[in-house]
Amino acid sequence: MKELSQFAKKHNIPTAQTVMGYSTMKKDDPYFLGAIGGFGGKAPNDFMKKTDLAIAIGTKLADFTTGSWTNFENPNFKLVSINVSRFDANKHMAQSIVGDAKVCIQDLTVALGSWRASDEWYKKSRSAVKSWNNYLDKESGPTNQKLPSYAHVAGAVYRKSDPSDIAVTAAGGLVGEVLQVWRPRELNTHETEWGFSCMSYEISGALGIKMANPKKEVIAFVGDGSYLLYNSDIYSSVLTNHKLIIVVCDNGGHAVINRLQLYKGGKEFNCLFESSKVQNIKKIDFAKHAESLGAKEAVSKFKKIDKKEAKGY
């Protein structure tokens, strides 16, 4: 949103985004820090730990955003919270401003007048963002691994995508990986349902986004678990002529849930096909399944992804 960029520029304030608020600022904006919180990057999270004042705009300040409040370590930290919800605006002993985000930003900039944050703070933010971007480019670049990571998948698609293409995620590990790699080149080009980690929103949500943005390509990143839970809106997209690009990452089951079981000290329980109690499970050909619903296996704009990048898709 242009008002946010104008506010940041006038007052020299580095600006981070929540998962749900991502792509409200372009990656090339000189005040863009990137995503904050549990899925956030090193640059914005490090800066949040040092800041003595944060202005929270339209966020509920939930645990994934605040890092269960570990993101704000400065003993002199103060919080200003702008929100249409009085309940959310008053969280964490904030100085609350109840109202519309755009209107409140406009009023706040009038109240601040010519005040600007220090240039030293700003310059450090630029250096931190550059280092983090270099790391992301390296880790999401082409790979010789037998199977690509989520970051490699997101990176390969991102490099071949157009700036106006919209990325959609919802559940599992893809939310965090795509959030980091898909640095917005245009506003409103990243969408996720992360309030409840809503599995299977990826395809149905992408269809709704395509209906609202018929001239843009909409790319849904989905794991095989979410795909199997709900895929029938592929047929809806074909019937209504709303083309989607769907990237399915085959993990052999609900891999993130399986990982959580193990990390919490438990044992695997029917999350992965290979370790489930069901015998003689047949491997699913996801491309053929989607084709049976009317989808095409290949998408022309991504045919140029070379074999090295496409290995394992």
C-alpha atoms as a PDB file:
ATOM      1  CA  MET A   1       0.000   0.000   0.000  1.00  0.00           C
ATOM      2  CA  LYS A   2       1.463   3.313  -1.093  1.00  0.00           C
ATOM      3  CA  GLU A   3       0.508   5.075   2.145  1.00  0.00           C
ATOM      4  CA  LEU A   4       2.727   2.691   4.107  1.00  0.00           C
ATOM      5  CA  SER A   5       5.712   3.336   1.820  1.00  0.00           C
ATOM      6  CA  GLN A   6       5.163   7.078   2.015  1.00  0.00           C
ATOM      7  CA  PHE A   7       4.969   6.951   5.807  1.00  0.00           C
ATOM      8  CA  ALA A   8       8.161   4.881   6.065  1.00  0.00           C
ATOM      9  CA  LYS A   9      10.061   7.172   3.701  1.00  0.00           C
ATOM     10  CA  LYS A  10       8.986  10.429   5.351  1.00  0.00           C
ATOM     11  CA  HIS A  11       9.947   9.232   8.831  1.00  0.00           C
ATOM     12  CA  ASN A  12      12.922   7.032   7.825  1.00  0.00           C
ATOM     13  CA  ILE A  13      11.438   3.881   9.413  1.00  0.00           C
ATOM     14  CA  PRO A  14      12.494   0.340   8.323  1.00  0.00           C
ATOM     15  CA  THR A  15       9.295  -1.703   7.934  1.00  0.00           C
ATOM     16  CA  ALA A  16       8.647  -5.415   8.481  1.00  0.00           C
ATOM     17  CA  GLN A  17       5.561  -7.398   7.494  1.00  0.00           C
ATOM     18  CA  THR A  18       3.582 -10.159   9.180  1.00  0.00           C
ATOM     19  CA  VAL A  19       2.809 -13.379   7.308  1.00  0.00           C
ATOM     20  CA  MET A  20      -0.701 -12.135   6.564  1.00  0.00           C
ATOM     21  CA  GLY A  21       0.478  -8.629   5.710  1.00  0.00           C
ATOM     22  CA  TYR A  22       3.238  -9.688   3.339  1.00  0.00           C
ATOM     23  CA  SER A  23       3.412  -7.930  -0.059  1.00  0.00           C
ATOM     24  CA  THR A  24       1.998  -4.679   1.313  1.00  0.00           C
ATOM     25  CA  MET A  25       5.411  -3.317   0.346  1.00  0.00           C
ATOM     26  CA  LYS A  26       7.655  -4.191  -2.621  1.00  0.00           C
ATOM     27  CA  LYS A  27      11.013  -5.856  -2.053  1.00  0.00           C
ATOM     28  CA  ASP A  28      12.801  -2.988  -3.810  1.00  0.00           C
ATOM     29  CA  ASP A  29      11.226  -0.416  -1.525  1.00  0.00           C
ATOM     30  CA  PRO A  30      14.157   1.188   0.346  1.00  0.00           C
ATOM     31  CA  TYR A  31      12.350   0.614   3.651  1.00  0.00           C
ATOM     32  CA  PHE A  32      11.344  -3.027   3.084  1.00  0.00           C
ATOM     33  CA  LEU A  33      12.717  -5.371   5.775  1.00  0.00           C
ATOM     34  CA  GLY A  34      10.790  -8.536   4.982  1.00  0.00           C
ATOM     35  CA  ALA A  35       8.703 -10.936   7.035  1.00  0.00           C
ATOM     36  CA  ILE A  36       8.842 -10.934  10.836  1.00  0.00           C
ATOM     37  CA  GLY A  37       8.192 -13.646  13.395  1.00  0.00           C
ATOM     38  CA  GLY A  38       8.408 -17.416  13.554  1.00  0.00           C
ATOM     39  CA  PHE A  39       8.567 -17.666   9.760  1.00  0.00           C
ATOM     40  CA  GLY A  40      10.418 -14.386   9.413  1.00  0.00           C
ATOM     41  CA  GLY A  41      13.890 -13.592   8.182  1.00  0.00           C
ATOM     42  CA  LYS A  42      17.043 -12.830  10.121  1.00  0.00           C
ATOM     43  CA  ALA A  43      17.141  -9.136   9.168  1.00  0.00           C
ATOM     44  CA  PRO A  44      13.674  -8.095  10.402  1.00  0.00           C
ATOM     45  CA  ASN A  45      13.774 -10.330  13.469  1.00  0.00           C
ATOM     46  CA  ASP A  46      17.176  -9.020  14.546  1.00  0.00           C
ATOM     47  CA  PHE A  47      15.963  -5.460  14.165  1.00  0.00           C
ATOM     48  CA  MET A  48      12.831  -6.115  16.180  1.00  0.00           C
ATOM     49  CA  LYS A  49      14.989  -7.361  19.052  1.00  0.00           C
ATOM     50  CA  LYS A  50      16.831  -4.038  19.135  1.00  0.00           C
ATOM     51  CA  THR A  51      14.037  -1.558  18.511  1.00  0.00           C
ATOM     52  CA  ASP A  52      12.769   0.675  21.310  1.00  0.00           C
ATOM     53  CA  LEU A  53       9.500   1.522  19.534  1.00  0.00           C
ATOM     54  CA  ALA A  54       7.344  -0.489  17.136  1.00  0.00           C
ATOM     55  CA  ILE A  55       4.218   0.683  15.347  1.00  0.00           C
ATOM     56  CA  ALA A  56       1.977  -2.344  14.755  1.00  0.00           C
ATOM     57  CA  ILE A  57      -0.552  -1.773  11.962  1.00  0.00           C
ATOM     58  CA  GLY A  58      -3.541  -4.097  11.645  1.00  0.00           C
ATOM     59  CA  THR A  59      -1.943  -7.093  13.336  1.00  0.00           C
ATOM     60  CA  LYS A  60      -3.307  -9.220  16.194  1.00  0.00           C
ATOM     61  CA  LEU A  61       0.270  -9.614  17.478  1.00  0.00           C
ATOM     62  CA  ALA A  62      -0.131 -13.373  17.814  1.00  0.00           C
ATOM     63  CA  ASP A  63       2.715 -15.704  18.786  1.00  0.00           C
ATOM     64  CA  PHE A  64       3.951 -16.346  15.249  1.00  0.00           C
ATOM     65  CA  THR A  65       4.349 -12.600  14.732  1.00  0.00           C
ATOM     66  CA  THR A  66       5.982 -11.758  18.054  1.00  0.00           C
ATOM     67  CA  GLY A  67       7.979 -14.970  18.374  1.00  0.00           C
ATOM     68  CA  SER A  68       6.021 -15.570  21.591  1.00  0.00           C
ATOM     69  CA  TRP A  69       7.224 -12.086  22.520  1.00  0.00           C
ATOM     70  CA  THR A  70      10.936 -13.008  22.222  1.00  0.00           C
ATOM     71  CA  ASN A  71      11.215 -10.623  19.255  1.00  0.00           C
ATOM     72  CA  PHE A  72      11.128  -7.580  21.505  1.00  0.00           C
ATOM     73  CA  GLU A  73      14.081  -7.727  23.882  1.00  0.00           C
ATOM     74  CA  ASN A  74      14.922  -4.056  24.338  1.00  0.00           C
ATOM     75  CA  PRO A  75      14.195  -3.244  28.018  1.00  0.00           C
ATOM     76  CA  ASN A  76      12.927   0.188  26.928  1.00  0.00           C
ATOM     77  CA  PHE A  77      10.584  -1.231  24.297  1.00  0.00           C
ATOM     78  CA  LYS A  78       7.308   0.603  23.659  1.00  0.00           C
ATOM     79  CA  LEU A  79       4.440  -0.363  21.365  1.00  0.00           C
ATOM     80  CA  VAL A  80       1.918   1.659  19.389  1.00  0.00           C
ATOM     81  CA  SER A  81      -0.873  -0.483  17.950  1.00  0.00           C
ATOM     82  CA  ILE A  82      -3.252   0.606  15.164  1.00  0.00           C
ATOM     83  CA  ASN A  83      -6.264  -1.650  14.684  1.00  0.00           C
ATOM     84  CA  VAL A  84      -9.976  -1.443  13.910  1.00  0.00           C
ATOM     85  CA  SER A  85     -10.505  -3.948  16.732  1.00  0.00           C
ATOM     86  CA  ARG A  86     -10.293  -2.317  20.154  1.00  0.00           C
ATOM     87  CA  PHE A  87      -9.395  -5.669  21.705  1.00  0.00           C
ATOM     88  CA  ASP A  88      -6.359  -6.166  19.427  1.00  0.00           C
ATOM     89  CA  ALA A  89      -5.271  -2.529  19.603  1.00  0.00           C
ATOM     90  CA  ASN A  90      -4.966  -2.747  23.397  1.00  0.00           C
ATOM     91  CA  LYS A  91      -2.896  -5.929  23.557  1.00  0.00           C
ATOM     92  CA  HIS A  92       0.477  -6.030  25.324  1.00  0.00           C
ATOM     93  CA  MET A  93      -0.034  -2.700  27.111  1.00  0.00           C
ATOM     94  CA  ALA A  94       0.199  -0.865  23.792  1.00  0.00           C
ATOM     95  CA  GLN A  95      -0.618   2.759  23.161  1.00  0.00           C
ATOM     96  CA  SER A  96      -3.724   1.945  21.175  1.00  0.00           C
ATOM     97  CA  ILE A  97      -5.107   3.765  18.151  1.00  0.00           C
ATOM     98  CA  VAL A  98      -8.492   2.376  17.124  1.00  0.00           C
ATOM     99  CA  GLY A  99      -9.368   3.024  13.503  1.00  0.00           C
ATOM    100  CA  ASP A 100      -8.770   2.343   9.808  1.00  0.00           C
ATOM    101  CA  ALA A 101      -5.113   1.676   8.995  1.00  0.00           C
ATOM    102  CA  LYS A 102      -4.815   4.124   6.091  1.00  0.00           C
ATOM    103  CA  VAL A 103      -6.599   6.961   7.885  1.00  0.00           C
ATOM    104  CA  CYS A 104      -4.628   6.419  11.085  1.00  0.00           C
ATOM    105  CA  ILE A 105      -1.301   6.449   9.225  1.00  0.00           C
ATOM    106  CA  GLN A 106      -2.252   9.720   7.572  1.00  0.00           C
ATOM    107  CA  ASP A 107      -3.185  11.275  10.915  1.00  0.00           C
ATOM    108  CA  LEU A 108      -0.062   9.909  12.600  1.00  0.00           C
ATOM    109  CA  THR A 109       2.277  11.375   9.992  1.00  0.00           C
ATOM    110  CA  VAL A 110       0.673  14.777  10.532  1.00  0.00           C
ATOM    111  CA  ALA A 111       1.230  14.445  14.278  1.00  0.00           C
ATOM    112  CA  LEU A 112       4.879  13.412  13.794  1.00  0.00           C
ATOM    113  CA  GLY A 113       5.565  16.389  11.552  1.00  0.00           C
ATOM    114  CA  SER A 114       9.201  16.434  10.401  1.00  0.00           C
ATOM    115  CA  TRP A 115      10.413  13.779  12.863  1.00  0.00           C
ATOM    116  CA  ARG A 116      12.679  11.105  11.357  1.00  0.00           C
ATOM    117  CA  ALA A 117      14.442   8.068  12.795  1.00  0.00           C
ATOM    118  CA  SER A 118      18.238   8.108  12.777  1.00  0.00           C
ATOM    119  CA  ASP A 119      20.156   7.521   9.541  1.00  0.00           C
ATOM    120  CA  GLU A 120      22.465   5.092  11.355  1.00  0.00           C
ATOM    121  CA  TRP A 121      19.500   2.840  12.181  1.00  0.00           C
ATOM    122  CA  TYR A 122      18.337   2.994   8.561  1.00  0.00           C
ATOM    123  CA  LYS A 123      21.781   2.202   7.094  1.00  0.00           C
ATOM    124  CA  LYS A 124      22.129  -0.837   9.324  1.00  0.00           C
ATOM    125  CA  SER A 125      18.776  -2.089   8.101  1.00  0.00           C
ATOM    126  CA  ARG A 126      19.912  -1.895   4.466  1.00  0.00           C
ATOM    127  CA  SER A 127      23.063  -3.855   5.208  1.00  0.00           C
ATOM    128  CA  ALA A 128      21.107  -6.524   7.086  1.00  0.00           C
ATOM    129  CA  VAL A 129      18.547  -6.914   4.288  1.00  0.00           C
ATOM    130  CA  LYS A 130      21.270  -7.239   1.650  1.00  0.00           C
ATOM    131  CA  SER A 131      23.042 -10.000   3.605  1.00  0.00           C
ATOM    132  CA  TRP A 132      19.791 -11.895   4.149  1.00  0.00           C
ATOM    133  CA  ASN A 133      18.794 -11.631   0.489  1.00  0.00           C
ATOM    134  CA  ASN A 134      22.182 -13.002  -0.574  1.00  0.00           C
ATOM    135  CA  TYR A 135      21.647 -15.957   1.741  1.00  0.00           C
ATOM    136  CA  LEU A 136      18.143 -16.592   0.379  1.00  0.00           C
ATOM    137  CA  ASP A 137      19.351 -16.451  -3.231  1.00  0.00           C
ATOM    138  CA  LYS A 138      22.041 -19.004  -2.464  1.00  0.00           C
ATOM    139  CA  GLU A 139      19.824 -21.418  -0.520  1.00  0.00           C
ATOM    140  CA  SER A 140      16.969 -21.292  -3.048  1.00  0.00           C
ATOM    141  CA  GLY A 141      19.195 -21.500  -6.121  1.00  0.00           C
ATOM    142  CA  PRO A 142      19.642 -24.415  -8.545  1.00  0.00           C
ATOM    143  CA  THR A 143      20.674 -27.648  -6.842  1.00  0.00           C
ATOM    144  CA  ASN A 144      22.219 -31.031  -7.627  1.00  0.00           C
ATOM    145  CA  GLN A 145      20.366 -32.669  -4.735  1.00  0.00           C
ATOM    146  CA  LYS A 146      18.498 -35.841  -5.634  1.00  0.00           C
ATOM    147  CA  LEU A 147      15.343 -34.194  -4.331  1.00  0.00           C
ATOM    148  CA  PRO A 148      14.952 -30.407  -4.085  1.00  0.00           C
ATOM    149  CA  SER A 149      13.980 -28.715  -0.849  1.00  0.00           C
ATOM    150  CA  TYR A 150      10.894 -26.526  -0.580  1.00  0.00           C
ATOM    151  CA  ALA A 151      13.208 -23.524  -0.908  1.00  0.00           C
ATOM    152  CA  HIS A 152      14.601 -24.887  -4.182  1.00  0.00           C
ATOM    153  CA  VAL A 153      11.092 -25.469  -5.536  1.00  0.00           C
ATOM    154  CA  ALA A 154       9.919 -21.977  -4.580  1.00  0.00           C
ATOM    155  CA  GLY A 155      13.149 -20.473  -5.920  1.00  0.00           C
ATOM    156  CA  ALA A 156      12.898 -22.182  -9.303  1.00  0.00           C
ATOM    157  CA  VAL A 157       9.317 -20.988  -9.783  1.00  0.00           C
ATOM    158  CA  TYR A 158      10.076 -17.487  -8.476  1.00  0.00           C
ATOM    159  CA  ARG A 159      12.935 -16.983 -10.916  1.00  0.00           C
ATOM    160  CA  LYS A 160      10.726 -17.892 -13.888  1.00  0.00           C
ATOM    161  CA  SER A 161       7.657 -16.017 -12.694  1.00  0.00           C
ATOM    162  CA  ASP A 162       6.487 -12.544 -13.687  1.00  0.00           C
ATOM    163  CA  PRO A 163       6.407  -9.761 -11.082  1.00  0.00           C
ATOM    164  CA  SER A 164       2.601  -9.714 -11.172  1.00  0.00           C
ATOM    165  CA  ASP A 165       2.218 -13.458 -10.468  1.00  0.00           C
ATOM    166  CA  ILE A 166       0.529 -14.258  -7.151  1.00  0.00           C
ATOM    167  CA  ALA A 167       1.856 -17.009  -4.866  1.00  0.00           C
ATOM    168  CA  VAL A 168      -0.614 -18.883  -2.636  1.00  0.00           C
ATOM    169  CA  THR A 169       0.180 -21.113   0.359  1.00  0.00           C
ATOM    170  CA  ALA A 170      -1.714 -22.257   3.440  1.00  0.00           C
ATOM    171  CA  ALA A 171      -0.312 -25.066   5.563  1.00  0.00           C
ATOM    172  CA  GLY A 172       2.821 -26.983   6.405  1.00  0.00           C
ATOM    173  CA  GLY A 173       6.398 -26.033   5.612  1.00  0.00           C
ATOM    174  CA  LEU A 174       5.630 -24.337   2.305  1.00  0.00           C
ATOM    175  CA  VAL A 175       4.210 -21.284   4.080  1.00  0.00           C
ATOM    176  CA  GLY A 176       7.570 -20.369   5.581  1.00  0.00           C
ATOM    177  CA  GLU A 177       9.724 -21.270   2.596  1.00  0.00           C
ATOM    178  CA  VAL A 178       7.609 -19.438   0.028  1.00  0.00           C
ATOM    179  CA  LEU A 179       7.284 -16.455   2.375  1.00  0.00           C
ATOM    180  CA  GLN A 180      11.066 -16.072   2.448  1.00  0.00           C
ATOM    181  CA  VAL A 181      11.794 -16.739  -1.214  1.00  0.00           C
ATOM    182  CA  TRP A 182       8.816 -14.939  -2.801  1.00  0.00           C
ATOM    183  CA  ARG A 183      10.025 -11.385  -2.202  1.00  0.00           C
ATOM    184  CA  PRO A 184       7.229  -9.258  -3.695  1.00  0.00           C
ATOM    185  CA  ARG A 185       8.102  -7.348  -6.850  1.00  0.00           C
ATOM    186  CA  GLU A 186       4.575  -5.917  -6.996  1.00  0.00           C
ATOM    187  CA  LEU A 187       2.023  -5.219  -4.275  1.00  0.00           C
ATOM    188  CA  ASN A 188      -0.495  -7.904  -3.312  1.00  0.00           C
ATOM    189  CA  THR A 189       1.366 -10.791  -4.948  1.00  0.00           C
ATOM    190  CA  HIS A 190       1.526 -13.099  -1.928  1.00  0.00           C
ATOM    191  CA  GLU A 191      -1.468 -14.716  -0.232  1.00  0.00           C
ATOM    192  CA  THR A 192      -1.636 -17.234   2.573  1.00  0.00           C
ATOM    193  CA  GLU A 193      -4.153 -18.613   5.035  1.00  0.00           C
ATOM    194  CA  TRP A 194      -2.084 -18.897   8.163  1.00  0.00           C
ATOM    195  CA  GLY A 195      -4.496 -17.967  10.909  1.00  0.00           C
ATOM    196  CA  PHE A 196      -5.450 -21.618  11.370  1.00  0.00           C
ATOM    197  CA  SER A 197      -2.972 -23.387   9.044  1.00  0.00           C
ATOM    198  CA  CYS A 198      -5.969 -24.326   6.930  1.00  0.00           C
ATOM    199  CA  MET A 199      -4.946 -27.406   4.962  1.00  0.00           C
ATOM    200  CA  SER A 200      -6.371 -27.515   1.433  1.00  0.00           C
ATOM    201  CA  TYR A 201      -7.028 -23.774   1.213  1.00  0.00           C
ATOM    202  CA  GLU A 202      -4.259 -23.667  -1.371  1.00  0.00           C
ATOM    203  CA  ILE A 203      -6.303 -24.705  -4.417  1.00  0.00           C
ATOM    204  CA  SER A 204      -9.746 -23.367  -3.450  1.00  0.00           C
ATOM    205  CA  GLY A 205      -8.185 -20.120  -2.210  1.00  0.00           C
ATOM    206  CA  ALA A 206      -6.180 -19.791  -5.406  1.00  0.00           C
ATOM    207  CA  LEU A 207      -9.388 -20.171  -7.420  1.00  0.00           C
ATOM    208  CA  GLY A 208     -11.014 -17.288  -5.550  1.00  0.00           C
ATOM    209  CA  ILE A 209      -7.902 -15.152  -6.018  1.00  0.00           C
ATOM    210  CA  LYS A 210      -7.882 -15.932  -9.737  1.00  0.00           C
ATOM    211  CA  MET A 211     -11.534 -14.912 -10.002  1.00  0.00           C
ATOM    212  CA  ALA A 212     -10.618 -11.575  -8.416  1.00  0.00           C
ATOM    213  CA  ASN A 213      -7.483 -11.203 -10.576  1.00  0.00           C
ATOM    214  CA  PRO A 214      -8.329 -12.833 -13.933  1.00  0.00           C
ATOM    215  CA  LYS A 215      -5.435 -11.197 -15.795  1.00  0.00           C
ATOM    216  CA  LYS A 216      -2.766 -12.432 -13.375  1.00  0.00           C
ATOM    217  CA  GLU A 217      -1.195 -15.852 -13.024  1.00  0.00           C
ATOM    218  CA  VAL A 218      -1.997 -17.473  -9.667  1.00  0.00           C
ATOM    219  CA  ILE A 219       0.426 -20.129  -8.420  1.00  0.00           C
ATOM    220  CA  ALA A 220      -0.660 -22.482  -5.633  1.00  0.00           C
ATOM    221  CA  PHE A 221       2.106 -24.245  -3.703  1.00  0.00           C
ATOM    222  CA  VAL A 222       0.657 -27.336  -2.028  1.00  0.00           C
ATOM    223  CA  GLY A 223       1.947 -30.461  -0.319  1.00  0.00           C
ATOM    224  CA  ASP A 224       0.605 -33.865  -1.259  1.00  0.00           C
ATOM    225  CA  GLY A 225      -1.263 -34.170   2.049  1.00  0.00           C
ATOM    226  CA  SER A 226      -3.259 -30.986   1.502  1.00  0.00           C
ATOM    227  CA  TYR A 227      -3.752 -31.880  -2.150  1.00  0.00           C
ATOM    228  CA  LEU A 228      -5.328 -35.215  -1.254  1.00  0.00           C
ATOM    229  CA  LEU A 229      -7.609 -33.610   1.335  1.00  0.00           C
ATOM    230  CA  TYR A 230      -9.185 -31.263  -1.178  1.00  0.00           C
ATOM    231  CA  ASN A 231      -8.427 -31.054  -4.884  1.00  0.00           C
ATOM    232  CA  SER A 232     -11.841 -30.953  -6.561  1.00  0.00           C
ATOM    233  CA  ASP A 233     -11.675 -27.198  -7.179  1.00  0.00           C
ATOM    234  CA  ILE A 234      -9.241 -28.053  -9.959  1.00  0.00           C
ATOM    235  CA  TYR A 235     -12.371 -29.174 -11.789  1.00  0.00           C
ATOM    236  CA  SER A 236     -14.142 -25.951 -10.762  1.00  0.00           C
ATOM    237  CA  SER A 237     -11.304 -23.895 -12.200  1.00  0.00           C
ATOM    238  CA  VAL A 238     -11.504 -25.805 -15.483  1.00  0.00           C
ATOM    239  CA  LEU A 239     -15.297 -25.495 -15.655  1.00  0.00           C
ATOM    240  CA  THR A 240     -15.210 -21.750 -15.046  1.00  0.00           C
ATOM    241  CA  ASN A 241     -12.107 -21.176 -17.205  1.00  0.00           C
ATOM    242  CA  HIS A 242     -10.003 -19.789 -14.364  1.00  0.00           C
ATOM    243  CA  LYS A 243      -6.540 -21.127 -15.042  1.00  0.00           C
ATOM    244  CA  LEU A 244      -4.387 -22.033 -12.040  1.00  0.00           C
ATOM    245  CA  ILE A 245      -0.754 -23.102 -11.800  1.00  0.00           C
ATOM    246  CA  ILE A 246      -0.483 -25.763  -9.091  1.00  0.00           C
ATOM    247  CA  VAL A 247       2.886 -26.928  -7.754  1.00  0.00           C
ATOM    248  CA  VAL A 248       2.524 -30.171  -5.788  1.00  0.00           C
ATOM    249  CA  CYS A 249       5.393 -31.245  -3.549  1.00  0.00           C
ATOM    250  CA  ASP A 250       5.183 -34.993  -2.919  1.00  0.00           C
ATOM    251  CA  ASN A 251       6.388 -35.760   0.611  1.00  0.00           C
ATOM    252  CA  GLY A 252       4.799 -39.186   0.807  1.00  0.00           C
ATOM    253  CA  GLY A 253       2.163 -38.084   3.300  1.00  0.00           C
ATOM    254  CA  HIS A 254       1.720 -35.401   5.950  1.00  0.00           C
ATOM    255  CA  ALA A 255       5.442 -34.827   6.472  1.00  0.00           C
ATOM    256  CA  VAL A 256       5.230 -31.698   8.626  1.00  0.00           C
ATOM    257  CA  ILE A 257       2.799 -33.349  11.061  1.00  0.00           C
ATOM    258  CA  ASN A 258       5.079 -36.379  11.129  1.00  0.00           C
ATOM    259  CA  ARG A 259       8.027 -34.124  11.957  1.00  0.00           C
ATOM    260  CA  LEU A 260       6.087 -32.428  14.744  1.00  0.00           C
ATOM    261  CA  GLN A 261       5.247 -35.823  16.238  1.00  0.00           C
ATOM    262  CA  LEU A 262       8.927 -36.739  16.338  1.00  0.00           C
ATOM    263  CA  TYR A 263      10.127 -33.344  17.592  1.00  0.00           C
ATOM    264  CA  LYS A 264       7.687 -33.528  20.487  1.00  0.00           C
ATOM    265  CA  GLY A 265       9.195 -36.812  21.566  1.00  0.00           C
ATOM    266  CA  GLY A 266       6.486 -39.006  20.162  1.00  0.00           C
ATOM    267  CA  LYS A 267       6.466 -41.772  17.594  1.00  0.00           C
ATOM    268  CA  GLU A 268       5.330 -41.763  13.993  1.00  0.00           C
ATOM    269  CA  PHE A 269       1.649 -42.521  13.637  1.00  0.00           C
ATOM    270  CA  ASN A 270       0.148 -42.905  10.171  1.00  0.00           C
ATOM    271  CA  CYS A 271       1.406 -39.581   8.806  1.00  0.00           C
ATOM    272  CA  LEU A 272       3.777 -40.970   6.163  1.00  0.00           C
ATOM    273  CA  PHE A 273       2.712 -43.667   3.738  1.00  0.00           C
ATOM    274  CA  GLU A 274       5.952 -45.617   4.132  1.00  0.00           C
ATOM    275  CA  SER A 275       5.549 -45.920   7.918  1.00  0.00           C
ATOM    276  CA  SER A 276       1.764 -46.270   8.059  1.00  0.00           C
ATOM    277  CA  LYS A 277      -0.074 -49.412   9.094  1.00  0.00           C
ATOM    278  CA  VAL A 278      -1.671 -49.708   5.672  1.00  0.00           C
ATOM    279  CA  GLN A 279       0.098 -52.201   3.435  1.00  0.00           C
ATOM    280  CA  ASN A 280       0.704 -52.153  -0.343  1.00  0.00           C
ATOM    281  CA  ILE A 281       0.007 -48.453  -0.849  1.00  0.00           C
ATOM    282  CA  LYS A 282       0.215 -47.459  -4.493  1.00  0.00           C
ATOM    283  CA  LYS A 283       2.155 -44.347  -5.452  1.00  0.00           C
ATOM    284  CA  ILE A 284      -0.046 -41.509  -6.712  1.00  0.00           C
ATOM    285  CA  ASP A 285       0.625 -39.822 -10.041  1.00  0.00           C
ATOM    286  CA  PHE A 286      -0.504 -36.321  -9.108  1.00  0.00           C
ATOM    287  CA  ALA A 287      -0.065 -34.939 -12.610  1.00  0.00           C
ATOM    288  CA  LYS A 288      -2.300 -37.653 -14.056  1.00  0.00           C
ATOM    289  CA  HIS A 289      -4.852 -37.152 -11.309  1.00  0.00           C
ATOM    290  CA  ALA A 290      -5.049 -33.426 -12.014  1.00  0.00           C
ATOM    291  CA  GLU A 291      -5.257 -34.193 -15.711  1.00  0.00           C
ATOM    292  CA  SER A 292      -8.307 -36.391 -15.045  1.00  0.00           C
ATOM    293  CA  LEU A 293      -9.982 -33.269 -13.644  1.00  0.00           C
ATOM    294  CA  GLY A 294      -9.194 -31.330 -16.799  1.00  0.00           C
ATOM    295  CA  ALA A 295      -5.835 -29.808 -15.889  1.00  0.00           C
ATOM    296  CA  LYS A 296      -2.861 -29.806 -18.232  1.00  0.00           C
ATOM    297  CA  GLU A 297       0.395 -31.328 -17.041  1.00  0.00           C
ATOM    298  CA  ALA A 298       2.694 -28.667 -18.481  1.00  0.00           C
ATOM    299  CA  VAL A 299       2.527 -24.885 -18.223  1.00  0.00           C
ATOM    300  CA  SER A 300       4.189 -22.988 -21.049  1.00  0.00           C
ATOM    301  CA  LYS A 301       5.727 -20.162 -19.057  1.00  0.00           C
ATOM    302  CA  PHE A 302       7.675 -22.618 -16.896  1.00  0.00           C
ATOM    303  CA  LYS A 303       8.934 -24.890 -19.663  1.00  0.00           C
ATOM    304  CA  LYS A 304      12.207 -22.973 -19.570  1.00  0.00           C
ATOM    305  CA  ILE A 305      13.054 -24.275 -16.091  1.00  0.00           C
ATOM    306  CA  ASP A 306      16.148 -26.308 -16.889  1.00  0.00           C
ATOM    307  CA  LYS A 307      16.585 -29.968 -16.011  1.00  0.00           C
ATOM    308  CA  LYS A 308      18.891 -29.168 -13.129  1.00  0.00           C
ATOM    309  CA  GLU A 309      16.225 -26.992 -11.495  1.00  0.00           C
ATOM    310  CA  ALA A 310      13.293 -29.263 -12.333  1.00  0.00           C
ATOM    311  CA  LYS A 311      14.886 -32.450 -10.997  1.00  0.00           C
ATOM    312  CA  GLY A 312      12.621 -34.057  -8.448  1.00  0.00           C
ATOM    313  CA  TYR A 313       9.437 -32.151  -9.355  1.00  0.00           C
END
